[in-house]
Structure formats: C-alpha cells, structure tokens
Amino acid sequence: MMSFRTTKRALTLAIAASWWVLCIPGPSAAESKDSAADASGEEGATKKAKAKGKEKSRFNSIRVSGVYADHRLRNRDSQTTGDPLRTRESLGGFEIAYERELIEDHLAIEFAKPFLFSKDSYESPFEATLKGLLVKGPWEGYLGVFVVWNIRVFEQERAEREGQNNILSFGVGVSTGYRWRFTKRWALELGWDYEWVPNDALVSNSFDLALGGVYTF
C-alpha cells in the first residue's frame, strides 16, 4: 500500500502536468477566423476558376434561322418564246449553321447550309464566313466576308424557259448582323448578307435576311 508521502508526490506531479497542458497557447479567435477566411477564399477562387473555365470553353454554336432571299437576275430571253424573262426573284427557306470562335470575342468562322425555295426553283448553297466580332455585354455584333458555292435546280417548265435544268455558281459577299444573348447558352440572331455572283448565267446579285435562334456549347 502506497504511503501518504508517495501519494502526495503523485498528486503534485499530476497537478503540474495538468497546469502545463492548460497553459499551452491555442490558436486565437482572430487566427481561426483568418484561417477560415483563407480556406473560404481558396474554395471561392477554385469555384470561380472552374466557372470561368467552363464559360471560356463555350466556343461553339449552332444556329437555325428562317431566311428570305431577294435575287437580282440578269437580262435574258425565254428559250421557248423569245420573250424577256423577269429580272427579280424572291425565295424563302431556312438555314442551318455551325460557328467556331477562333479568338475569343474577336474572330470566328461559320459554315452555313441554306435551303431556299420558290414556286419553280430550289437552291442549296454552302457558305463559309469569316467574322470579326464586337461584344458589348449581351449584344454581339459582327462583320464578315464569305464565299458561297451554289446549285440552282428548276422545275420542268422553268428549265425549258431558261434553257437549262440547273446552274452551278460561285460567289463572294459581305455579311453583318447582331446577336442578343438572353442566357449564357441561348441567343437570338438577325443577319444580313450581300452576295455578288460573277459566273452565274442567272443571278448577278443577292440580298439575304435571316432571323433565328442560336445555341452555344
């Protein structure tokens, strides 16, 4: 059995050890707050970086638009009657386009495939457009130059008057328009094109107006 002196010495050592543990300085409230703020800041920065990275990766877009085309035709005579044929033609249809942003908010390239119809003809051009971009908040303006390859197909009576069933052509032109972005992914675009066709036996100039929706991804 332990003696009183031994017990007293053990209690003294225990009290001293307890006091030493209690006196070890812990992190202050200010330091804890700073640490929490730092952690929160790092987490917020990481989230912002991720979000920014996601936004910057949205360089692609798909557009579907309704199109109205006004063609100015060359002076020519009917191959069946010899009478002068009309020198203006209107067509309507739709257009599917894919756009890739090459330099963010500054330069893009677009490939478009319109499908145009009139009462006696059908057109299926392919357009490649290089666009200079001007971005101001939700509004995105552009000015572009393009090349276009086209095939015009006539119904039988029109083909007899024109003296040919179809016409292949090449043209160049300029385009301009605006895109209004109402969400991060969706926008509405209004565009206008002017096309000059040097080698077409039928069309000399064309003016196109397109309005449609854009999805960015």
Foldseek 3Di string as FASTA:
>chain_A
DDDPVVVVVVVVVVVVVVVVVVPDDDDDPVRVVVVVVVVVVVVVVVVVVVVVVVLVVFFKKKWKKKKKKKFFWDWDAFLVPRHTDDGIDIKIWMKIKMKGAPDPQFKIKMWMWTWIDDPWKTKTKIKIKIWTWHDDPQKIKIKIKMKMWMKMAGHDVVCNRVVHGMWIFIKIWMKIWMWGHPDSFKIKIWMKIKIATDPTNITGIMIMIIITMMGID
